[in-house]
Protein backbone atom coordinates (compact mmCIF):
# COMPACT_ATOMS: atom_id res chain seq x y z
CA MET A 1 142.27 150.66 64.18
CA PRO A 2 143.70 148.16 61.65
CA ARG A 3 146.11 149.42 59.01
CA PRO A 4 144.82 149.57 55.42
CA VAL A 5 145.57 146.45 53.37
CA ALA A 6 147.64 148.49 50.87
CA ILE A 7 150.05 149.54 53.64
CA LEU A 8 150.21 145.97 54.97
CA ARG A 9 151.05 144.65 51.49
CA THR A 10 153.83 147.21 51.05
CA VAL A 11 155.42 146.46 54.45
CA MET A 12 155.15 142.71 53.93
CA ALA A 13 156.52 142.74 50.37
CA ALA A 14 159.55 144.75 51.55
CA ALA A 15 160.11 142.33 54.46
CA ILE A 16 159.98 139.37 52.06
CA ARG A 17 162.50 140.94 49.64
CA GLU A 18 164.85 141.86 52.51
CA GLN A 19 164.14 138.63 54.44
CA ARG A 20 163.25 140.58 57.60
CA VAL A 21 161.22 139.20 60.47
CA LEU A 22 157.87 140.90 61.05
CA SER A 23 156.18 141.59 64.35
CA LEU A 24 152.45 141.43 63.75
CA VAL A 25 149.13 141.36 65.56
CA TYR A 26 146.84 138.78 63.99
CA ALA A 27 143.08 138.27 64.34
CA ARG A 28 142.03 138.43 67.99
CA SER A 29 145.56 138.23 69.40
CA ILE A 30 146.58 140.83 71.94
CA GLU A 31 150.33 140.32 71.82
CA PRO A 32 152.39 140.76 68.65
CA GLN A 33 153.97 137.60 67.28
CA LEU A 34 157.13 137.15 65.23
CA PHE A 35 156.67 135.98 61.67
CA ALA A 36 159.25 135.23 58.96
CA PRO A 37 157.38 135.99 55.71
CA VAL A 38 158.18 133.81 52.72
CA ALA A 39 155.47 134.73 50.18
CA LEU A 40 152.65 137.18 49.64
CA TYR A 41 149.97 136.07 47.19
CA ILE A 42 146.45 136.82 46.03
CA SER A 43 143.95 134.01 45.59
CA ALA A 44 141.63 133.48 42.63
CA ALA A 45 138.92 135.00 44.86
CA ASP A 46 140.99 138.23 45.24
CA GLN A 47 141.96 137.57 48.88
CA PHE A 48 145.51 138.37 50.01
CA PHE A 49 147.53 135.82 52.01
CA LEU A 50 150.91 135.82 53.70
CA ALA A 51 152.78 132.52 53.94
CA GLY A 52 155.73 131.98 56.24
CA TYR A 53 156.97 130.83 59.60
CA GLU A 54 155.36 131.85 62.87
CA VAL A 55 157.97 131.96 65.63
CA ARG A 56 156.77 131.41 69.21
CA ARG A 57 159.27 130.91 71.97
CA LYS A 58 161.05 127.72 70.94
CA THR A 59 158.59 126.56 68.29
CA VAL A 60 158.48 127.45 64.62
CA ARG A 61 155.62 126.43 62.33
CA TRP A 62 154.54 127.07 58.75
CA ARG A 63 151.43 129.21 58.59
CA ILE A 64 149.21 130.96 56.05
CA LEU A 65 147.68 134.25 57.28
CA GLU A 66 144.76 136.14 55.75
CA LEU A 67 145.85 139.74 55.25
CA GLU A 68 142.45 141.07 56.29
CA GLN A 69 143.01 139.47 59.72
CA VAL A 70 146.34 141.28 60.29
CA ARG A 71 145.60 144.24 62.53
CA ASP A 72 149.08 145.77 62.62
CA VAL A 73 152.59 144.98 61.44
CA TRP A 74 156.13 146.23 62.04
CA GLN A 75 159.32 145.22 60.30
CA THR A 76 162.03 144.24 62.81
CA PRO A 77 165.79 144.68 62.29
CA GLN A 78 166.15 140.89 62.58
CA SER A 79 166.71 138.97 59.34
CA PHE A 80 166.07 135.31 58.57
CA SER A 81 167.46 132.75 56.19
CA LEU A 82 166.15 129.40 55.08
CA ASP A 83 168.11 126.45 53.86
CA ALA A 84 167.21 123.77 51.34
CA GLU A 85 165.95 121.54 54.18
CA ALA A 86 163.21 123.99 55.24
CA PRO A 87 159.78 122.43 54.70
CA ILE A 88 158.25 125.05 52.42
CA PRO A 89 155.29 124.33 50.17
CA LYS A 90 156.42 125.11 46.65
CA THR A 91 152.95 125.60 45.22
CA TYR A 92 150.00 127.81 46.07
CA PRO A 93 146.26 127.33 45.58
CA THR A 94 145.04 127.02 41.99
CA GLY A 95 144.61 130.45 40.43
CA ALA A 96 146.79 132.24 43.02
CA THR A 97 149.20 134.94 41.90
CA VAL A 98 152.42 135.40 43.87
CA ILE A 99 153.15 139.08 44.51
CA ALA A 100 156.41 138.67 46.43
CA GLN A 101 158.50 135.64 47.33
CA ALA A 102 161.71 135.29 49.32
CA SER A 103 164.78 134.06 47.50
CA LEU A 104 164.94 130.45 48.64
CA PRO A 105 167.14 127.52 47.74
CA GLY A 106 165.38 125.05 45.46
CA PHE A 107 162.83 127.51 44.03
């Protein structure tokens, strides 16, 4: 059973503030994946999104996740940091409201 969105938002906002890596199960995935959350925002259409870096083995990629597709999430003890060279979009869709955002160089 998926966790309620309110609990997901609380866990994710705390992970963003503390720059902690999340372990989450997304959409139809079976295995949890590691995710370094950078921002949590709500779109103009009242949909919640999580932006950050998905970490898989030796690859890291920027990704936007729909909160309603996250089935479960755990905060790990592992932290992350980003430098000024990290390719991070500095804007969000028109009408979006940022709820939580990591402290990043250049923002």
